[in-house]
Amino acid sequence: MKLEMTTQERDDIVLGLQIRMAVIETGDPVLRANDAINMGQHKKVRALSDDQRALVARYEALVAKLQSAC
């Protein structure tokens, strides 16, 4: 099955996934764990379960796949 979507639809999905990853990692919809660490805000980084880490990894792979799609 081939899925066709507009650039805007793809960008909307990517943004939604990025927001969800940030919420999982820090509870803040605009702050990823790496960004929090780089800003010296280590306390904002949540300890994730194995399932949460796997979910974030899947989301990151999906974002990369979507961003490389033309």
C-alpha atoms as a PDB file:
ATOM      1  CA  MET A   1       0.000   0.000   0.000  1.00  0.00           C
ATOM      2  CA  LYS A   2       1.354   3.385  -0.974  1.00  0.00           C
ATOM      3  CA  LEU A   3       0.345   6.366   1.116  1.00  0.00           C
ATOM      4  CA  GLU A   4       0.312   9.780  -0.468  1.00  0.00           C
ATOM      5  CA  MET A   5       0.358  12.906   1.633  1.00  0.00           C
ATOM      6  CA  THR A   6       1.086  16.552   1.162  1.00  0.00           C
ATOM      7  CA  THR A   7       4.195  18.220   2.517  1.00  0.00           C
ATOM      8  CA  GLN A   8       1.999  19.990   5.076  1.00  0.00           C
ATOM      9  CA  GLU A   9       0.493  16.703   6.247  1.00  0.00           C
ATOM     10  CA  ARG A  10       3.945  15.188   6.617  1.00  0.00           C
ATOM     11  CA  ASP A  11       5.209  18.233   8.517  1.00  0.00           C
ATOM     12  CA  ASP A  12       2.171  18.107  10.824  1.00  0.00           C
ATOM     13  CA  ILE A  13       2.822  14.448  11.647  1.00  0.00           C
ATOM     14  CA  VAL A  14       6.517  15.117  12.267  1.00  0.00           C
ATOM     15  CA  LEU A  15       5.695  18.021  14.581  1.00  0.00           C
ATOM     16  CA  GLY A  16       3.186  15.903  16.491  1.00  0.00           C
ATOM     17  CA  LEU A  17       5.728  13.124  16.961  1.00  0.00           C
ATOM     18  CA  GLN A  18       8.406  15.579  18.085  1.00  0.00           C
ATOM     19  CA  ILE A  19       6.049  17.133  20.626  1.00  0.00           C
ATOM     20  CA  ARG A  20       5.081  13.692  21.928  1.00  0.00           C
ATOM     21  CA  MET A  21       8.744  12.685  22.317  1.00  0.00           C
ATOM     22  CA  ALA A  22       9.450  15.878  24.254  1.00  0.00           C
ATOM     23  CA  VAL A  23       6.490  15.263  26.584  1.00  0.00           C
ATOM     24  CA  ILE A  24       7.654  11.704  27.241  1.00  0.00           C
ATOM     25  CA  GLU A  25      11.244  12.787  27.936  1.00  0.00           C
ATOM     26  CA  THR A  26      10.690  15.974  29.961  1.00  0.00           C
ATOM     27  CA  GLY A  27       6.989  16.688  30.370  1.00  0.00           C
ATOM     28  CA  ASP A  28       7.480  19.870  28.316  1.00  0.00           C
ATOM     29  CA  PRO A  29       6.117  19.828  24.755  1.00  0.00           C
ATOM     30  CA  VAL A  30       8.998  21.900  23.380  1.00  0.00           C
ATOM     31  CA  LEU A  31      11.991  20.555  25.344  1.00  0.00           C
ATOM     32  CA  ARG A  32      13.686  17.283  24.447  1.00  0.00           C
ATOM     33  CA  ALA A  33      15.947  15.544  26.958  1.00  0.00           C
ATOM     34  CA  ASN A  34      19.161  16.375  25.080  1.00  0.00           C
ATOM     35  CA  ASP A  35      18.181  20.032  24.898  1.00  0.00           C
ATOM     36  CA  ALA A  36      17.407  20.111  28.627  1.00  0.00           C
ATOM     37  CA  ILE A  37      20.790  18.565  29.405  1.00  0.00           C
ATOM     38  CA  ASN A  38      22.577  21.022  27.101  1.00  0.00           C
ATOM     39  CA  MET A  39      20.792  23.881  28.900  1.00  0.00           C
ATOM     40  CA  GLY A  40      21.874  22.576  32.302  1.00  0.00           C
ATOM     41  CA  GLN A  41      18.309  21.612  33.226  1.00  0.00           C
ATOM     42  CA  HIS A  42      19.071  17.991  34.117  1.00  0.00           C
ATOM     43  CA  LYS A  43      16.209  17.813  36.632  1.00  0.00           C
ATOM     44  CA  LYS A  44      13.663  18.127  33.811  1.00  0.00           C
ATOM     45  CA  VAL A  45      14.828  14.870  32.221  1.00  0.00           C
ATOM     46  CA  ARG A  46      12.590  11.987  33.241  1.00  0.00           C
ATOM     47  CA  ALA A  47      13.780   8.462  33.937  1.00  0.00           C
ATOM     48  CA  LEU A  48      12.142   6.416  31.188  1.00  0.00           C
ATOM     49  CA  SER A  49      11.045   2.811  31.267  1.00  0.00           C
ATOM     50  CA  ASP A  50      12.345   0.408  28.646  1.00  0.00           C
ATOM     51  CA  ASP A  51       9.009   0.653  26.847  1.00  0.00           C
ATOM     52  CA  GLN A  52       9.177   4.449  26.782  1.00  0.00           C
ATOM     53  CA  ARG A  53      12.750   4.412  25.451  1.00  0.00           C
ATOM     54  CA  ALA A  54      11.704   1.960  22.736  1.00  0.00           C
ATOM     55  CA  LEU A  55       8.722   4.152  21.823  1.00  0.00           C
ATOM     56  CA  VAL A  56      10.911   7.262  21.543  1.00  0.00           C
ATOM     57  CA  ALA A  57      13.371   5.324  19.364  1.00  0.00           C
ATOM     58  CA  ARG A  58      10.528   4.208  17.078  1.00  0.00           C
ATOM     59  CA  TYR A  59       9.216   7.773  16.861  1.00  0.00           C
ATOM     60  CA  GLU A  60      12.698   9.073  16.015  1.00  0.00           C
ATOM     61  CA  ALA A  61      13.037   6.472  13.236  1.00  0.00           C
ATOM     62  CA  LEU A  62       9.600   7.391  11.898  1.00  0.00           C
ATOM     63  CA  VAL A  63      10.433  11.118  11.946  1.00  0.00           C
ATOM     64  CA  ALA A  64      13.636  10.418  10.005  1.00  0.00           C
ATOM     65  CA  LYS A  65      11.708   8.315   7.501  1.00  0.00           C
ATOM     66  CA  LEU A  66       9.048  10.998   7.045  1.00  0.00           C
ATOM     67  CA  GLN A  67      11.615  13.778   6.676  1.00  0.00           C
ATOM     68  CA  SER A  68      13.487  11.871   3.982  1.00  0.00           C
ATOM     69  CA  ALA A  69      10.302  11.191   2.011  1.00  0.00           C
ATOM     70  CA  CYS A  70       9.739  13.410  -0.994  1.00  0.00           C
END
